[in-house]
Amino acid sequence: MEPGAVVDSLLSGACVLFTLGMFSTGLSDLRHMRVTRSVDNVQFLPFLTTDVNNLSWLSYGVLKGDGTLIVVNAVGAVLQTLYILVYLHYCPRKQTLLLQTATLLGVLLMGCGYFWLMVPDPASRLQQLGLFCSVFTISMYFSPLTDLANVIKTQSTQRLSYSLTIATLLTSASWTLYGFRLRDPYITVPNLPGIFTSVIRLWLFWKYPQEKDKHYRLLQT
């Protein structure tokens, strides 16, 4: 096997391993919901947006013919859908959540219809779909910045998950290198904010150690 092929295999394996590890952090929320039979201190929107993000990248992977993207996002979509179903099962007020779900799924279906029916050229379709996935992923990485500002204000990191921060950093770094190796800016660029925000979180963990303040409950962001 040539050195380049070995590097590609290692990067692909790292992307699969770290990304599935990041997705599996939601299992703690799943266990919490089943044990307490409630959704207290568990956020719904991250599950929903991650599911839509997985489905979008799955479409990009299928169109590009990239097995790594297909495997990771297919498994991710299944996990996120499971988290969503369990959340809806234990949530007493479902109307707003169902509306959010229907809205995002409607946007996703309209987007798929546009890309597959209105853009006949495969190359143009791949570029436009890649741009959509990139913008959506970047918005997801930057969305928790308000929580980071709150951490600085309260001088407490109890609202952050250290394991999720490490998983996000490793995942973003591996996908950045993978995209660089493939010369695919739609994979490389949207993962750079993930590295940036993860480094900020690690600095906050160093600046405000969790041992100093125990009265905040852990909240995945």
N, C-alpha and C. Protein backbone atom coordinates (compact mmCIF):
# COMPACT_ATOMS: atom_id res chain seq x y z
N MET A 1 0.85 -1.20 0.00
CA MET A 1 0.00 0.00 0.00
C MET A 1 0.88 1.25 0.00
N GLU A 2 0.56 2.19 -0.87
CA GLU A 2 1.35 3.42 -0.98
C GLU A 2 1.16 4.29 0.26
N PRO A 3 2.19 5.12 0.58
CA PRO A 3 2.08 5.99 1.77
C PRO A 3 0.85 6.88 1.76
N GLY A 4 0.51 7.41 0.57
CA GLY A 4 -0.67 8.28 0.48
C GLY A 4 -1.95 7.55 0.83
N ALA A 5 -2.04 6.28 0.40
CA ALA A 5 -3.23 5.49 0.71
C ALA A 5 -3.30 5.18 2.20
N VAL A 6 -2.15 4.97 2.82
CA VAL A 6 -2.11 4.71 4.26
C VAL A 6 -2.60 5.94 5.03
N VAL A 7 -2.14 7.12 4.62
CA VAL A 7 -2.56 8.36 5.27
C VAL A 7 -4.07 8.54 5.12
N ASP A 8 -4.57 8.29 3.91
CA ASP A 8 -6.01 8.43 3.67
C ASP A 8 -6.81 7.48 4.56
N SER A 9 -6.34 6.25 4.70
CA SER A 9 -7.03 5.26 5.53
C SER A 9 -7.01 5.67 7.00
N LEU A 10 -5.87 6.18 7.47
CA LEU A 10 -5.76 6.61 8.85
C LEU A 10 -6.67 7.80 9.14
N LEU A 11 -6.70 8.75 8.22
CA LEU A 11 -7.56 9.92 8.41
C LEU A 11 -9.03 9.52 8.37
N SER A 12 -9.37 8.62 7.45
CA SER A 12 -10.75 8.15 7.36
C SER A 12 -11.15 7.45 8.65
N GLY A 13 -10.28 6.59 9.16
CA GLY A 13 -10.56 5.90 10.41
C GLY A 13 -10.70 6.85 11.58
N ALA A 14 -9.84 7.88 11.61
CA ALA A 14 -9.91 8.87 12.69
C ALA A 14 -11.22 9.64 12.63
N CYS A 15 -11.65 10.00 11.43
CA CYS A 15 -12.92 10.73 11.28
C CYS A 15 -14.09 9.89 11.79
N VAL A 16 -14.10 8.62 11.41
CA VAL A 16 -15.18 7.73 11.85
C VAL A 16 -15.16 7.56 13.36
N LEU A 17 -13.99 7.27 13.91
CA LEU A 17 -13.86 7.01 15.34
C LEU A 17 -14.24 8.23 16.18
N PHE A 18 -13.63 9.38 15.88
CA PHE A 18 -13.87 10.57 16.69
C PHE A 18 -15.29 11.11 16.54
N THR A 19 -15.82 11.06 15.31
CA THR A 19 -17.17 11.59 15.09
C THR A 19 -18.22 10.73 15.79
N LEU A 20 -18.09 9.41 15.67
CA LEU A 20 -19.04 8.54 16.36
C LEU A 20 -18.90 8.69 17.88
N GLY A 21 -17.66 8.94 18.33
CA GLY A 21 -17.46 9.20 19.76
C GLY A 21 -18.19 10.47 20.19
N MET A 22 -18.14 11.50 19.34
CA MET A 22 -18.84 12.75 19.65
C MET A 22 -20.35 12.54 19.66
N PHE A 23 -20.86 11.79 18.68
CA PHE A 23 -22.29 11.53 18.64
C PHE A 23 -22.75 10.71 19.86
N SER A 24 -21.89 9.82 20.32
CA SER A 24 -22.27 8.93 21.43
C SER A 24 -22.35 9.66 22.76
N THR A 25 -21.85 10.91 22.83
CA THR A 25 -21.98 11.66 24.09
C THR A 25 -23.45 11.89 24.43
N GLY A 26 -24.30 11.82 23.42
CA GLY A 26 -25.74 11.97 23.68
C GLY A 26 -26.33 10.78 24.41
N LEU A 27 -25.59 9.67 24.50
CA LEU A 27 -26.09 8.50 25.21
C LEU A 27 -26.28 8.79 26.70
N SER A 28 -25.46 9.70 27.24
CA SER A 28 -25.64 10.07 28.65
C SER A 28 -26.98 10.78 28.86
N ASP A 29 -27.37 11.62 27.89
CA ASP A 29 -28.68 12.27 27.96
C ASP A 29 -29.80 11.23 27.81
N LEU A 30 -29.56 10.28 26.91
CA LEU A 30 -30.55 9.22 26.70
C LEU A 30 -30.77 8.42 27.98
N ARG A 31 -29.67 8.07 28.64
CA ARG A 31 -29.77 7.33 29.89
C ARG A 31 -30.47 8.15 30.98
N HIS A 32 -30.14 9.45 31.01
CA HIS A 32 -30.78 10.34 31.99
C HIS A 32 -32.29 10.40 31.79
N MET A 33 -32.72 10.49 30.53
CA MET A 33 -34.15 10.57 30.24
C MET A 33 -34.87 9.28 30.62
N ARG A 34 -34.23 8.16 30.36
CA ARG A 34 -34.87 6.88 30.67
C ARG A 34 -34.93 6.63 32.18
N VAL A 35 -33.88 7.02 32.89
CA VAL A 35 -33.85 6.80 34.34
C VAL A 35 -34.83 7.72 35.05
N THR A 36 -34.82 9.00 34.69
CA THR A 36 -35.68 9.98 35.36
C THR A 36 -37.07 10.07 34.75
N ARG A 37 -37.21 9.49 33.53
CA ARG A 37 -38.48 9.56 32.80
C ARG A 37 -38.92 11.01 32.61
N SER A 38 -37.91 11.86 32.37
CA SER A 38 -38.17 13.28 32.14
C SER A 38 -37.08 13.82 31.22
N VAL A 39 -37.24 15.07 30.77
CA VAL A 39 -36.26 15.70 29.89
C VAL A 39 -35.61 16.90 30.59
N ASP A 40 -35.63 16.91 31.91
CA ASP A 40 -35.03 18.01 32.67
C ASP A 40 -33.54 18.10 32.35
N ASN A 41 -33.07 19.33 32.12
CA ASN A 41 -31.66 19.63 31.86
C ASN A 41 -31.13 18.99 30.57
N VAL A 42 -32.03 18.62 29.67
CA VAL A 42 -31.64 18.08 28.36
C VAL A 42 -32.22 18.98 27.28
N GLN A 43 -31.39 19.41 26.35
CA GLN A 43 -31.84 20.30 25.28
C GLN A 43 -32.28 19.49 24.06
N PHE A 44 -33.36 19.91 23.44
CA PHE A 44 -33.90 19.22 22.27
C PHE A 44 -33.28 19.70 20.97
N LEU A 45 -33.08 21.01 20.85
CA LEU A 45 -32.66 21.58 19.58
C LEU A 45 -31.33 21.03 19.06
N PRO A 46 -30.31 20.79 19.91
CA PRO A 46 -29.07 20.21 19.38
C PRO A 46 -29.27 18.85 18.71
N PHE A 47 -30.17 18.02 19.26
CA PHE A 47 -30.47 16.75 18.62
C PHE A 47 -31.05 16.96 17.23
N LEU A 48 -31.99 17.89 17.14
CA LEU A 48 -32.69 18.12 15.88
C LEU A 48 -31.76 18.70 14.82
N THR A 49 -30.99 19.73 15.18
CA THR A 49 -30.11 20.36 14.20
C THR A 49 -28.99 19.41 13.77
N THR A 50 -28.49 18.60 14.71
CA THR A 50 -27.45 17.64 14.35
C THR A 50 -28.00 16.57 13.41
N ASP A 51 -29.24 16.17 13.62
CA ASP A 51 -29.87 15.19 12.74
C ASP A 51 -29.99 15.74 11.33
N VAL A 52 -30.45 16.97 11.21
CA VAL A 52 -30.57 17.60 9.89
C VAL A 52 -29.19 17.75 9.25
N ASN A 53 -28.21 18.11 10.06
CA ASN A 53 -26.84 18.24 9.56
C ASN A 53 -26.32 16.90 9.05
N ASN A 54 -26.59 15.82 9.80
CA ASN A 54 -26.17 14.49 9.37
C ASN A 54 -26.82 14.10 8.04
N LEU A 55 -28.10 14.35 7.92
CA LEU A 55 -28.82 13.99 6.69
C LEU A 55 -28.30 14.79 5.51
N SER A 56 -27.95 16.05 5.74
CA SER A 56 -27.42 16.88 4.66
C SER A 56 -26.06 16.37 4.19
N TRP A 57 -25.17 16.08 5.16
CA TRP A 57 -23.85 15.55 4.80
C TRP A 57 -23.94 14.14 4.22
N LEU A 58 -24.95 13.38 4.63
CA LEU A 58 -25.16 12.07 4.05
C LEU A 58 -25.47 12.19 2.56
N SER A 59 -26.31 13.16 2.22
CA SER A 59 -26.63 13.41 0.80
C SER A 59 -25.38 13.83 0.03
N TYR A 60 -24.56 14.69 0.67
CA TYR A 60 -23.32 15.12 0.03
C TYR A 60 -22.38 13.94 -0.17
N GLY A 61 -22.30 13.07 0.83
CA GLY A 61 -21.44 11.89 0.72
C GLY A 61 -21.88 10.95 -0.37
N VAL A 62 -23.20 10.75 -0.50
CA VAL A 62 -23.73 9.89 -1.55
C VAL A 62 -23.42 10.48 -2.92
N LEU A 63 -23.65 11.78 -3.07
CA LEU A 63 -23.39 12.44 -4.35
C LEU A 63 -21.91 12.42 -4.69
N LYS A 64 -21.06 12.57 -3.69
CA LYS A 64 -19.61 12.59 -3.90
C LYS A 64 -19.03 11.18 -4.01
N GLY A 65 -19.78 10.20 -3.50
CA GLY A 65 -19.28 8.83 -3.50
C GLY A 65 -18.22 8.61 -2.44
N ASP A 66 -18.35 9.28 -1.29
CA ASP A 66 -17.38 9.20 -0.21
C ASP A 66 -17.91 8.28 0.88
N GLY A 67 -17.30 7.11 1.03
CA GLY A 67 -17.76 6.13 1.99
C GLY A 67 -17.65 6.60 3.43
N THR A 68 -16.61 7.38 3.74
CA THR A 68 -16.42 7.87 5.10
C THR A 68 -17.58 8.78 5.51
N LEU A 69 -17.94 9.71 4.64
CA LEU A 69 -19.06 10.61 4.91
C LEU A 69 -20.37 9.83 5.05
N ILE A 70 -20.54 8.83 4.20
CA ILE A 70 -21.79 8.06 4.22
C ILE A 70 -21.94 7.29 5.53
N VAL A 71 -20.89 6.58 5.93
CA VAL A 71 -20.97 5.75 7.14
C VAL A 71 -21.20 6.61 8.38
N VAL A 72 -20.37 7.65 8.53
CA VAL A 72 -20.44 8.49 9.73
C VAL A 72 -21.81 9.15 9.86
N ASN A 73 -22.29 9.73 8.77
CA ASN A 73 -23.54 10.49 8.87
C ASN A 73 -24.78 9.61 8.87
N ALA A 74 -24.68 8.41 8.30
CA ALA A 74 -25.80 7.48 8.39
C ALA A 74 -25.98 7.02 9.84
N VAL A 75 -24.87 6.64 10.49
CA VAL A 75 -24.94 6.24 11.90
C VAL A 75 -25.36 7.41 12.77
N GLY A 76 -24.80 8.60 12.48
CA GLY A 76 -25.15 9.79 13.25
C GLY A 76 -26.63 10.12 13.14
N ALA A 77 -27.18 10.00 11.94
CA ALA A 77 -28.61 10.31 11.75
C ALA A 77 -29.48 9.33 12.53
N VAL A 78 -29.09 8.06 12.55
CA VAL A 78 -29.85 7.06 13.31
C VAL A 78 -29.82 7.38 14.80
N LEU A 79 -28.62 7.72 15.33
CA LEU A 79 -28.49 8.04 16.75
C LEU A 79 -29.30 9.28 17.12
N GLN A 80 -29.17 10.33 16.32
CA GLN A 80 -29.89 11.56 16.63
C GLN A 80 -31.40 11.36 16.55
N THR A 81 -31.85 10.56 15.59
CA THR A 81 -33.28 10.27 15.48
C THR A 81 -33.76 9.51 16.72
N LEU A 82 -32.91 8.59 17.21
CA LEU A 82 -33.25 7.86 18.44
C LEU A 82 -33.36 8.82 19.62
N TYR A 83 -32.41 9.75 19.75
CA TYR A 83 -32.46 10.73 20.84
C TYR A 83 -33.74 11.57 20.74
N ILE A 84 -34.09 11.97 19.52
CA ILE A 84 -35.29 12.79 19.32
C ILE A 84 -36.56 12.03 19.73
N LEU A 85 -36.66 10.77 19.32
CA LEU A 85 -37.85 9.98 19.64
C LEU A 85 -37.99 9.76 21.14
N VAL A 86 -36.87 9.49 21.81
CA VAL A 86 -36.92 9.30 23.27
C VAL A 86 -37.30 10.61 23.96
N TYR A 87 -36.74 11.72 23.48
CA TYR A 87 -37.07 13.03 24.05
C TYR A 87 -38.56 13.31 23.91
N LEU A 88 -39.10 13.07 22.72
CA LEU A 88 -40.53 13.32 22.50
C LEU A 88 -41.39 12.40 23.36
N HIS A 89 -40.90 11.20 23.61
CA HIS A 89 -41.66 10.25 24.42
C HIS A 89 -41.82 10.74 25.86
N TYR A 90 -40.76 11.33 26.41
CA TYR A 90 -40.79 11.74 27.81
C TYR A 90 -41.16 13.21 28.01
N CYS A 91 -41.23 13.96 26.91
CA CYS A 91 -41.56 15.38 27.03
C CYS A 91 -43.08 15.56 27.17
N PRO A 92 -43.55 16.27 28.20
CA PRO A 92 -44.99 16.44 28.39
C PRO A 92 -45.63 17.41 27.39
N ARG A 93 -44.83 18.35 26.88
CA ARG A 93 -45.35 19.34 25.93
C ARG A 93 -44.66 19.14 24.59
N LYS A 94 -45.38 18.50 23.68
CA LYS A 94 -44.77 18.09 22.42
C LYS A 94 -45.08 19.02 21.26
N GLN A 95 -46.07 19.88 21.39
CA GLN A 95 -46.55 20.67 20.25
C GLN A 95 -45.45 21.54 19.65
N THR A 96 -44.73 22.29 20.48
CA THR A 96 -43.68 23.17 19.99
C THR A 96 -42.55 22.38 19.37
N LEU A 97 -42.19 21.26 19.99
CA LEU A 97 -41.09 20.43 19.49
C LEU A 97 -41.45 19.81 18.15
N LEU A 98 -42.69 19.35 18.03
CA LEU A 98 -43.14 18.77 16.76
C LEU A 98 -43.15 19.82 15.67
N LEU A 99 -43.51 21.05 16.02
CA LEU A 99 -43.50 22.14 15.04
C LEU A 99 -42.08 22.43 14.58
N GLN A 100 -41.12 22.48 15.52
CA GLN A 100 -39.73 22.69 15.16
C GLN A 100 -39.22 21.57 14.26
N THR A 101 -39.57 20.34 14.61
CA THR A 101 -39.13 19.19 13.82
C THR A 101 -39.71 19.24 12.41
N ALA A 102 -41.00 19.52 12.32
CA ALA A 102 -41.65 19.58 11.01
C ALA A 102 -41.07 20.71 10.15
N THR A 103 -40.75 21.84 10.78
CA THR A 103 -40.20 22.98 10.05
C THR A 103 -38.83 22.66 9.46
N LEU A 104 -37.94 22.11 10.30
CA LEU A 104 -36.59 21.78 9.82
C LEU A 104 -36.62 20.66 8.79
N LEU A 105 -37.46 19.66 9.00
CA LEU A 105 -37.56 18.58 8.02
C LEU A 105 -38.16 19.10 6.71
N GLY A 106 -39.09 20.03 6.81
CA GLY A 106 -39.64 20.64 5.60
C GLY A 106 -38.59 21.39 4.82
N VAL A 107 -37.76 22.16 5.53
CA VAL A 107 -36.66 22.88 4.87
C VAL A 107 -35.70 21.90 4.22
N LEU A 108 -35.40 20.80 4.93
CA LEU A 108 -34.50 19.79 4.38
C LEU A 108 -35.06 19.14 3.13
N LEU A 109 -36.35 18.81 3.15
CA LEU A 109 -36.98 18.18 1.99
C LEU A 109 -37.03 19.13 0.80
N MET A 110 -37.33 20.40 1.06
CA MET A 110 -37.34 21.39 -0.02
C MET A 110 -35.94 21.56 -0.60
N GLY A 111 -34.94 21.55 0.29
CA GLY A 111 -33.57 21.66 -0.19
C GLY A 111 -33.18 20.48 -1.04
N CYS A 112 -33.54 19.28 -0.60
CA CYS A 112 -33.23 18.08 -1.39
C CYS A 112 -33.94 18.11 -2.74
N GLY A 113 -35.21 18.55 -2.72
CA GLY A 113 -35.94 18.66 -3.97
C GLY A 113 -35.30 19.64 -4.93
N TYR A 114 -34.80 20.75 -4.37
CA TYR A 114 -34.14 21.74 -5.21
C TYR A 114 -32.86 21.19 -5.81
N PHE A 115 -32.02 20.60 -4.96
CA PHE A 115 -30.71 20.11 -5.43
C PHE A 115 -30.84 18.98 -6.43
N TRP A 116 -31.79 18.07 -6.21
CA TRP A 116 -31.89 16.90 -7.07
C TRP A 116 -32.77 17.11 -8.30
N LEU A 117 -33.69 18.08 -8.24
CA LEU A 117 -34.60 18.29 -9.37
C LEU A 117 -34.29 19.55 -10.18
N MET A 118 -33.83 20.61 -9.49
CA MET A 118 -33.64 21.88 -10.16
C MET A 118 -32.19 22.12 -10.59
N VAL A 119 -31.28 21.29 -10.11
CA VAL A 119 -29.87 21.43 -10.51
C VAL A 119 -29.45 20.13 -11.19
N PRO A 120 -29.65 20.02 -12.47
CA PRO A 120 -29.38 18.76 -13.18
C PRO A 120 -27.90 18.42 -13.30
N ASP A 121 -27.04 19.44 -13.34
CA ASP A 121 -25.62 19.18 -13.51
C ASP A 121 -25.03 18.64 -12.21
N PRO A 122 -24.47 17.43 -12.21
CA PRO A 122 -23.94 16.83 -10.97
C PRO A 122 -22.85 17.67 -10.31
N ALA A 123 -21.97 18.28 -11.10
CA ALA A 123 -20.89 19.08 -10.52
C ALA A 123 -21.45 20.31 -9.80
N SER A 124 -22.40 20.99 -10.43
CA SER A 124 -23.01 22.16 -9.80
C SER A 124 -23.81 21.76 -8.57
N ARG A 125 -24.48 20.62 -8.66
CA ARG A 125 -25.26 20.12 -7.53
C ARG A 125 -24.35 19.83 -6.34
N LEU A 126 -23.19 19.22 -6.61
CA LEU A 126 -22.25 18.89 -5.54
C LEU A 126 -21.72 20.16 -4.88
N GLN A 127 -21.42 21.17 -5.68
CA GLN A 127 -20.91 22.42 -5.14
C GLN A 127 -21.95 23.14 -4.29
N GLN A 128 -23.17 23.22 -4.79
CA GLN A 128 -24.22 23.93 -4.06
C GLN A 128 -24.61 23.20 -2.78
N LEU A 129 -24.67 21.87 -2.86
CA LEU A 129 -24.99 21.08 -1.67
C LEU A 129 -23.86 21.18 -0.65
N GLY A 130 -22.62 21.17 -1.14
CA GLY A 130 -21.48 21.33 -0.24
C GLY A 130 -21.49 22.67 0.45
N LEU A 131 -21.86 23.72 -0.27
CA LEU A 131 -21.94 25.06 0.32
C LEU A 131 -23.03 25.11 1.39
N PHE A 132 -24.17 24.50 1.09
CA PHE A 132 -25.25 24.47 2.07
C PHE A 132 -24.82 23.74 3.35
N CYS A 133 -24.20 22.58 3.19
CA CYS A 133 -23.74 21.80 4.34
C CYS A 133 -22.70 22.58 5.15
N SER A 134 -21.81 23.28 4.46
CA SER A 134 -20.77 24.05 5.13
C SER A 134 -21.36 25.17 5.97
N VAL A 135 -22.28 25.92 5.39
CA VAL A 135 -22.90 27.04 6.11
C VAL A 135 -23.67 26.53 7.32
N PHE A 136 -24.39 25.43 7.15
CA PHE A 136 -25.18 24.88 8.25
C PHE A 136 -24.27 24.41 9.39
N THR A 137 -23.17 23.75 9.04
CA THR A 137 -22.24 23.26 10.05
C THR A 137 -21.57 24.41 10.79
N ILE A 138 -21.16 25.44 10.06
CA ILE A 138 -20.53 26.61 10.69
C ILE A 138 -21.49 27.27 11.67
N SER A 139 -22.76 27.39 11.28
CA SER A 139 -23.75 28.01 12.17
C SER A 139 -23.94 27.17 13.43
N MET A 140 -23.83 25.85 13.31
CA MET A 140 -23.95 24.98 14.48
C MET A 140 -22.78 25.16 15.43
N TYR A 141 -21.59 25.30 14.88
CA TYR A 141 -20.40 25.46 15.73
C TYR A 141 -20.40 26.82 16.44
N PHE A 142 -20.94 27.84 15.80
CA PHE A 142 -20.93 29.17 16.41
C PHE A 142 -22.14 29.43 17.30
N SER A 143 -23.16 28.59 17.21
CA SER A 143 -24.38 28.83 17.99
C SER A 143 -24.16 28.81 19.50
N PRO A 144 -23.22 28.00 20.05
CA PRO A 144 -23.05 28.01 21.52
C PRO A 144 -22.23 29.18 22.06
N LEU A 145 -21.88 30.16 21.21
CA LEU A 145 -21.06 31.27 21.69
C LEU A 145 -21.75 32.05 22.81
N THR A 146 -23.09 32.08 22.79
CA THR A 146 -23.80 32.76 23.87
C THR A 146 -23.57 32.04 25.19
N ASP A 147 -23.48 30.71 25.14
CA ASP A 147 -23.21 29.95 26.35
C ASP A 147 -21.80 30.23 26.86
N LEU A 148 -20.86 30.40 25.92
CA LEU A 148 -19.49 30.71 26.32
C LEU A 148 -19.42 32.08 26.98
N ALA A 149 -20.20 33.02 26.45
CA ALA A 149 -20.25 34.34 27.07
C ALA A 149 -20.83 34.26 28.48
N ASN A 150 -21.79 33.38 28.66
CA ASN A 150 -22.38 33.20 29.99
C ASN A 150 -21.38 32.57 30.96
N VAL A 151 -20.53 31.69 30.43
CA VAL A 151 -19.49 31.08 31.26
C VAL A 151 -18.55 32.15 31.80
N ILE A 152 -18.15 33.07 30.93
CA ILE A 152 -17.27 34.16 31.35
C ILE A 152 -17.97 35.06 32.36
N LYS A 153 -19.27 35.29 32.14
CA LYS A 153 -20.02 36.16 33.05
C LYS A 153 -20.15 35.53 34.43
N THR A 154 -20.45 34.23 34.49
CA THR A 154 -20.64 33.55 35.77
C THR A 154 -19.36 32.99 36.34
N GLN A 155 -18.29 32.95 35.51
CA GLN A 155 -17.00 32.39 35.91
C GLN A 155 -17.16 30.94 36.38
N SER A 156 -17.99 30.20 35.66
CA SER A 156 -18.22 28.79 35.97
C SER A 156 -18.36 28.00 34.68
N THR A 157 -17.68 26.85 34.62
CA THR A 157 -17.76 25.97 33.45
C THR A 157 -18.62 24.74 33.71
N GLN A 158 -19.43 24.78 34.77
CA GLN A 158 -20.28 23.64 35.08
C GLN A 158 -21.36 23.43 34.03
N ARG A 159 -21.61 24.44 33.21
CA ARG A 159 -22.60 24.32 32.15
C ARG A 159 -22.01 23.72 30.88
N LEU A 160 -20.72 23.44 30.88
CA LEU A 160 -20.05 22.88 29.72
C LEU A 160 -19.69 21.42 29.96
N SER A 161 -19.58 20.68 28.88
CA SER A 161 -19.17 19.28 28.96
C SER A 161 -17.73 19.15 28.48
N TYR A 162 -16.85 18.70 29.37
CA TYR A 162 -15.44 18.56 29.01
C TYR A 162 -15.25 17.45 27.98
N SER A 163 -15.96 16.33 28.17
CA SER A 163 -15.81 15.22 27.23
C SER A 163 -16.29 15.60 25.83
N LEU A 164 -17.39 16.36 25.76
CA LEU A 164 -17.89 16.80 24.46
C LEU A 164 -16.92 17.78 23.81
N THR A 165 -16.28 18.61 24.62
CA THR A 165 -15.30 19.57 24.09
C THR A 165 -14.12 18.84 23.45
N ILE A 166 -13.59 17.83 24.15
CA ILE A 166 -12.48 17.05 23.60
C ILE A 166 -12.91 16.31 22.34
N ALA A 167 -14.08 15.71 22.37
CA ALA A 167 -14.58 14.96 21.21
C ALA A 167 -14.77 15.89 20.01
N THR A 168 -15.28 17.09 20.27
CA THR A 168 -15.48 18.06 19.18
C THR A 168 -14.15 18.52 18.59
N LEU A 169 -13.15 18.75 19.45
CA LEU A 169 -11.84 19.17 18.98
C LEU A 169 -11.20 18.09 18.11
N LEU A 170 -11.22 16.85 18.56
CA LEU A 170 -10.62 15.75 17.79
C LEU A 170 -11.38 15.53 16.48
N THR A 171 -12.70 15.61 16.56
CA THR A 171 -13.52 15.42 15.35
C THR A 171 -13.26 16.51 14.33
N SER A 172 -13.27 17.76 14.77
CA SER A 172 -13.06 18.89 13.85
C SER A 172 -11.67 18.83 13.23
N ALA A 173 -10.65 18.50 14.05
CA ALA A 173 -9.29 18.43 13.54
C ALA A 173 -9.14 17.33 12.51
N SER A 174 -9.73 16.16 12.78
CA SER A 174 -9.61 15.05 11.84
C SER A 174 -10.31 15.34 10.52
N TRP A 175 -11.50 15.96 10.59
CA TRP A 175 -12.22 16.29 9.35
C TRP A 175 -11.52 17.42 8.58
N THR A 176 -10.90 18.34 9.30
CA THR A 176 -10.15 19.40 8.62
C THR A 176 -9.00 18.80 7.83
N LEU A 177 -8.27 17.89 8.44
CA LEU A 177 -7.16 17.22 7.74
C LEU A 177 -7.67 16.35 6.61
N TYR A 178 -8.79 15.69 6.83
CA TYR A 178 -9.37 14.83 5.79
C TYR A 178 -9.79 15.67 4.58
N GLY A 179 -10.46 16.79 4.84
CA GLY A 179 -10.86 17.67 3.75
C GLY A 179 -9.67 18.27 3.03
N PHE A 180 -8.62 18.62 3.79
CA PHE A 180 -7.40 19.15 3.19
C PHE A 180 -6.75 18.10 2.29
N ARG A 181 -6.76 16.86 2.75
CA ARG A 181 -6.19 15.77 1.97
C ARG A 181 -6.95 15.56 0.67
N LEU A 182 -8.28 15.69 0.73
CA LEU A 182 -9.11 15.52 -0.45
C LEU A 182 -9.20 16.78 -1.30
N ARG A 183 -8.62 17.87 -0.77
CA ARG A 183 -8.73 19.19 -1.43
C ARG A 183 -10.19 19.58 -1.60
N ASP A 184 -10.96 19.35 -0.55
CA ASP A 184 -12.39 19.67 -0.55
C ASP A 184 -12.65 20.77 0.48
N PRO A 185 -12.78 22.01 0.04
CA PRO A 185 -12.99 23.12 0.99
C PRO A 185 -14.31 23.02 1.73
N TYR A 186 -15.29 22.31 1.16
CA TYR A 186 -16.58 22.19 1.82
C TYR A 186 -16.49 21.31 3.07
N ILE A 187 -15.46 20.48 3.15
CA ILE A 187 -15.22 19.69 4.35
C ILE A 187 -14.24 20.40 5.27
N THR A 188 -13.22 21.01 4.70
CA THR A 188 -12.17 21.65 5.51
C THR A 188 -12.68 22.88 6.25
N VAL A 189 -13.24 23.83 5.51
CA VAL A 189 -13.59 25.14 6.08
C VAL A 189 -14.59 25.06 7.23
N PRO A 190 -15.71 24.31 7.12
CA PRO A 190 -16.69 24.34 8.21
C PRO A 190 -16.20 23.70 9.50
N ASN A 191 -15.12 22.94 9.45
CA ASN A 191 -14.62 22.31 10.67
C ASN A 191 -13.60 23.18 11.40
N LEU A 192 -13.11 24.22 10.76
CA LEU A 192 -12.18 25.13 11.43
C LEU A 192 -12.84 25.84 12.62
N PRO A 193 -14.09 26.31 12.50
CA PRO A 193 -14.74 26.91 13.68
C PRO A 193 -14.88 25.93 14.84
N GLY A 194 -15.02 24.63 14.53
CA GLY A 194 -15.09 23.64 15.58
C GLY A 194 -13.82 23.59 16.40
N ILE A 195 -12.67 23.69 15.72
CA ILE A 195 -11.39 23.74 16.41
C ILE A 195 -11.29 25.01 17.24
N PHE A 196 -11.70 26.12 16.65
CA PHE A 196 -11.62 27.43 17.30
C PHE A 196 -12.45 27.46 18.59
N THR A 197 -13.72 27.04 18.49
CA THR A 197 -14.59 27.09 19.67
C THR A 197 -14.16 26.07 20.73
N SER A 198 -13.61 24.94 20.29
CA SER A 198 -13.14 23.94 21.25
C SER A 198 -11.93 24.45 22.04
N VAL A 199 -11.03 25.13 21.35
CA VAL A 199 -9.87 25.71 22.02
C VAL A 199 -10.32 26.75 23.05
N ILE A 200 -11.32 27.56 22.68
CA ILE A 200 -11.85 28.55 23.63
C ILE A 200 -12.43 27.85 24.85
N ARG A 201 -13.14 26.77 24.63
CA ARG A 201 -13.72 26.04 25.76
C ARG A 201 -12.64 25.47 26.67
N LEU A 202 -11.61 24.90 26.07
CA LEU A 202 -10.51 24.36 26.87
C LEU A 202 -9.85 25.46 27.70
N TRP A 203 -9.71 26.64 27.11
CA TRP A 203 -9.14 27.77 27.87
C TRP A 203 -10.05 28.14 29.03
N LEU A 204 -11.37 28.09 28.80
CA LEU A 204 -12.32 28.40 29.86
C LEU A 204 -12.25 27.35 30.98
N PHE A 205 -12.07 26.08 30.59
CA PHE A 205 -11.91 25.05 31.62
C PHE A 205 -10.66 25.29 32.46
N TRP A 206 -9.60 25.77 31.82
CA TRP A 206 -8.37 26.09 32.55
C TRP A 206 -8.56 27.33 33.41
N LYS A 207 -9.27 28.32 32.86
CA LYS A 207 -9.47 29.59 33.56
C LYS A 207 -10.42 29.43 34.74
N TYR A 208 -11.50 28.64 34.54
CA TYR A 208 -12.51 28.46 35.58
C TYR A 208 -12.70 26.97 35.84
N PRO A 209 -11.84 26.36 36.62
CA PRO A 209 -11.95 24.92 36.91
C PRO A 209 -13.30 24.57 37.52
N GLN A 210 -13.84 23.43 37.13
CA GLN A 210 -15.16 23.04 37.59
C GLN A 210 -15.20 22.76 39.09
N GLU A 211 -14.09 22.41 39.70
CA GLU A 211 -14.08 22.10 41.13
C GLU A 211 -14.46 23.31 41.99
N LYS A 212 -14.28 24.51 41.44
CA LYS A 212 -14.55 25.71 42.23
C LYS A 212 -16.03 25.99 42.44
N ASP A 213 -16.87 25.43 41.55
CA ASP A 213 -18.30 25.77 41.64
C ASP A 213 -19.11 24.53 41.33
N LYS A 214 -19.80 23.97 42.30
CA LYS A 214 -20.53 22.73 42.12
C LYS A 214 -22.04 22.92 41.98
N HIS A 215 -22.54 24.14 42.08
CA HIS A 215 -23.99 24.31 42.11
C HIS A 215 -24.61 24.41 40.73
N TYR A 216 -23.79 24.42 39.65
CA TYR A 216 -24.33 24.41 38.29
C TYR A 216 -24.47 22.97 37.83
N ARG A 217 -25.57 22.68 37.17
CA ARG A 217 -25.76 21.34 36.62
C ARG A 217 -25.16 21.27 35.23
N LEU A 218 -24.68 20.07 34.90
CA LEU A 218 -24.06 19.87 33.60
C LEU A 218 -25.11 20.02 32.51
N LEU A 219 -24.75 20.78 31.49
CA LEU A 219 -25.66 20.99 30.37
C LEU A 219 -24.88 20.83 29.08
N GLN A 220 -25.23 19.86 28.26
CA GLN A 220 -24.54 19.63 27.00
C GLN A 220 -24.84 20.80 26.06
N THR A 221 -23.77 21.33 25.37
CA THR A 221 -23.97 22.42 24.41
C THR A 221 -23.31 22.05 23.11
